[in-house]
C-alpha atoms as a PDB file:
ATOM      1  CA  UNK A   1      20.745  -5.809  -7.769  1.00  0.00           C
ATOM      2  CA  UNK A   2      18.019  -4.951 -10.253  1.00  0.00           C
ATOM      3  CA  UNK A   3      16.576  -8.447  -9.920  1.00  0.00           C
ATOM      4  CA  UNK A   4      16.314  -7.974  -6.140  1.00  0.00           C
ATOM      5  CA  UNK A   5      14.470  -4.673  -6.595  1.00  0.00           C
ATOM      6  CA  UNK A   6      12.138  -6.217  -9.144  1.00  0.00           C
ATOM      7  CA  UNK A   7      11.496  -9.211  -6.893  1.00  0.00           C
ATOM      8  CA  UNK A   8      10.800  -6.956  -3.903  1.00  0.00           C
ATOM      9  CA  UNK A   9       8.406  -4.844  -5.977  1.00  0.00           C
ATOM     10  CA  UNK A  10       6.539  -7.967  -7.085  1.00  0.00           C
ATOM     11  CA  UNK A  11       6.342  -9.179  -3.488  1.00  0.00           C
ATOM     12  CA  UNK A  12       5.017  -5.786  -2.335  1.00  0.00           C
ATOM     13  CA  UNK A  13       2.372  -5.715  -5.052  1.00  0.00           C
ATOM     14  CA  UNK A  14       1.291  -9.263  -4.180  1.00  0.00           C
ATOM     15  CA  UNK A  15       1.015  -8.392  -0.483  1.00  0.00           C
ATOM     16  CA  UNK A  16      -1.084  -5.323  -1.276  1.00  0.00           C
ATOM     17  CA  UNK A  17      -3.311  -7.336  -3.622  1.00  0.00           C
ATOM     18  CA  UNK A  18      -4.007  -9.681  -0.697  1.00  0.00           C
ATOM     19  CA  UNK A  19      -5.334  -6.936   1.606  1.00  0.00           C
ATOM     20  CA  UNK A  20      -9.062  -7.672   1.882  1.00  0.00           C
ATOM     21  CA  UNK A  21     -11.724  -5.097   1.186  1.00  0.00           C
ATOM     22  CA  UNK A  22     -12.542  -3.184   4.364  1.00  0.00           C
ATOM     23  CA  UNK A  23      -9.060  -3.685   5.816  1.00  0.00           C
ATOM     24  CA  UNK A  24      -5.839  -1.722   5.785  1.00  0.00           C
ATOM     25  CA  UNK A  25      -2.183  -2.523   6.299  1.00  0.00           C
ATOM     26  CA  UNK A  26       0.656  -0.149   7.149  1.00  0.00           C
ATOM     27  CA  UNK A  27       3.632   0.474   4.885  1.00  0.00           C
ATOM     28  CA  UNK A  28       5.733  -1.218   7.578  1.00  0.00           C
ATOM     29  CA  UNK A  29       3.488  -4.309   7.662  1.00  0.00           C
ATOM     30  CA  UNK A  30       3.638  -4.581   3.872  1.00  0.00           C
ATOM     31  CA  UNK A  31       7.449  -4.339   3.986  1.00  0.00           C
ATOM     32  CA  UNK A  32       7.596  -7.050   6.653  1.00  0.00           C
ATOM     33  CA  UNK A  33       5.334  -9.409   4.728  1.00  0.00           C
ATOM     34  CA  UNK A  34       7.339  -8.753   1.565  1.00  0.00           C
ATOM     35  CA  UNK A  35      10.451  -9.906   3.404  1.00  0.00           C
ATOM     36  CA  UNK A  36      12.205  -6.582   4.083  1.00  0.00           C
ATOM     37  CA  UNK A  37      11.078  -5.213   7.455  1.00  0.00           C
ATOM     38  CA  UNK A  38      13.054  -1.975   7.166  1.00  0.00           C
ATOM     39  CA  UNK A  39      11.858  -1.077   3.681  1.00  0.00           C
ATOM     40  CA  UNK A  40       8.675   0.852   4.487  1.00  0.00           C
ATOM     41  CA  UNK A  41       9.862   3.900   2.499  1.00  0.00           C
ATOM     42  CA  UNK A  42      10.496   1.661  -0.499  1.00  0.00           C
ATOM     43  CA  UNK A  43       6.928   0.373  -0.161  1.00  0.00           C
ATOM     44  CA  UNK A  44       5.703   3.977  -0.222  1.00  0.00           C
ATOM     45  CA  UNK A  45       7.726   4.638  -3.339  1.00  0.00           C
ATOM     46  CA  UNK A  46       6.324   1.553  -5.045  1.00  0.00           C
ATOM     47  CA  UNK A  47       2.777   2.579  -4.121  1.00  0.00           C
ATOM     48  CA  UNK A  48       3.364   6.125  -5.409  1.00  0.00           C
ATOM     49  CA  UNK A  49       4.308   4.727  -8.822  1.00  0.00           C
ATOM     50  CA  UNK A  50       1.539   2.129  -8.991  1.00  0.00           C
ATOM     51  CA  UNK A  51      -1.337   2.846 -11.350  1.00  0.00           C
ATOM     52  CA  UNK A  52      -2.559  -0.739 -11.737  1.00  0.00           C
ATOM     53  CA  UNK A  53      -6.217  -0.790 -10.622  1.00  0.00           C
ATOM     54  CA  UNK A  54      -5.806  -4.442  -9.567  1.00  0.00           C
ATOM     55  CA  UNK A  55      -3.478  -3.296  -6.755  1.00  0.00           C
ATOM     56  CA  UNK A  56      -5.562  -1.591  -4.032  1.00  0.00           C
ATOM     57  CA  UNK A  57      -2.836   0.780  -2.873  1.00  0.00           C
ATOM     58  CA  UNK A  58      -5.451   2.927  -1.097  1.00  0.00           C
ATOM     59  CA  UNK A  59      -5.509   0.203   1.595  1.00  0.00           C
ATOM     60  CA  UNK A  60      -1.922   0.983   2.659  1.00  0.00           C
ATOM     61  CA  UNK A  61      -1.633   3.581   5.419  1.00  0.00           C
ATOM     62  CA  UNK A  62       0.977   5.033   7.766  1.00  0.00           C
ATOM     63  CA  UNK A  63       1.857   3.378  11.081  1.00  0.00           C
ATOM     64  CA  UNK A  64       0.412   6.313  13.021  1.00  0.00           C
ATOM     65  CA  UNK A  65      -2.998   5.689  11.451  1.00  0.00           C
ATOM     66  CA  UNK A  66      -2.887   8.644   9.071  1.00  0.00           C
ATOM     67  CA  UNK A  67      -3.654   7.900   5.452  1.00  0.00           C
ATOM     68  CA  UNK A  68      -0.486   8.961   3.682  1.00  0.00           C
ATOM     69  CA  UNK A  69      -0.641   9.943   0.035  1.00  0.00           C
ATOM     70  CA  UNK A  70      -2.671   8.525  -2.836  1.00  0.00           C
ATOM     71  CA  UNK A  71      -1.564   8.853  -6.443  1.00  0.00           C
ATOM     72  CA  UNK A  72      -4.996   8.220  -7.943  1.00  0.00           C
ATOM     73  CA  UNK A  73      -6.899  11.226  -6.728  1.00  0.00           C
ATOM     74  CA  UNK A  74      -5.352  12.444  -3.501  1.00  0.00           C
ATOM     75  CA  UNK A  75      -6.212  12.010   0.162  1.00  0.00           C
ATOM     76  CA  UNK A  76      -9.926  12.805  -0.225  1.00  0.00           C
ATOM     77  CA  UNK A  77     -10.307  10.047  -2.802  1.00  0.00           C
ATOM     78  CA  UNK A  78      -8.364   7.583  -0.613  1.00  0.00           C
ATOM     79  CA  UNK A  79     -10.542   8.454   2.373  1.00  0.00           C
ATOM     80  CA  UNK A  80     -13.710   8.046   0.329  1.00  0.00           C
ATOM     81  CA  UNK A  81     -12.619   4.615  -0.950  1.00  0.00           C
ATOM     82  CA  UNK A  82     -11.726   3.408   2.543  1.00  0.00           C
ATOM     83  CA  UNK A  83     -15.045   4.664   3.931  1.00  0.00           C
ATOM     84  CA  UNK A  84     -16.968   2.984   1.127  1.00  0.00           C
ATOM     85  CA  UNK A  85     -15.184  -0.292   1.911  1.00  0.00           C
ATOM     86  CA  UNK A  86     -15.858   0.068   5.644  1.00  0.00           C
ATOM     87  CA  UNK A  87     -12.230   0.537   6.651  1.00  0.00           C
ATOM     88  CA  UNK A  88     -12.891   4.081   7.953  1.00  0.00           C
ATOM     89  CA  UNK A  89     -15.811   5.512   9.850  1.00  0.00           C
END
């Protein structure tokens, strides 16, 4: 079971690393691409615990278009990063 969780986490982090600058992906889309379509909450949990600067977790947003949380400085920081990258206007 632990190996499955670890593998899913690695897949999620790889999907998020592949999100190009200026683009976003929803938690649901990340879960789908990581192979577990119903695991969007797990994706959120993984993002909340991620502090690796190589993983652009600020590019992951909610399905309704709202930003969700950001563990590296809060919503204002997430919004600023997305604006700087051209993903928000």
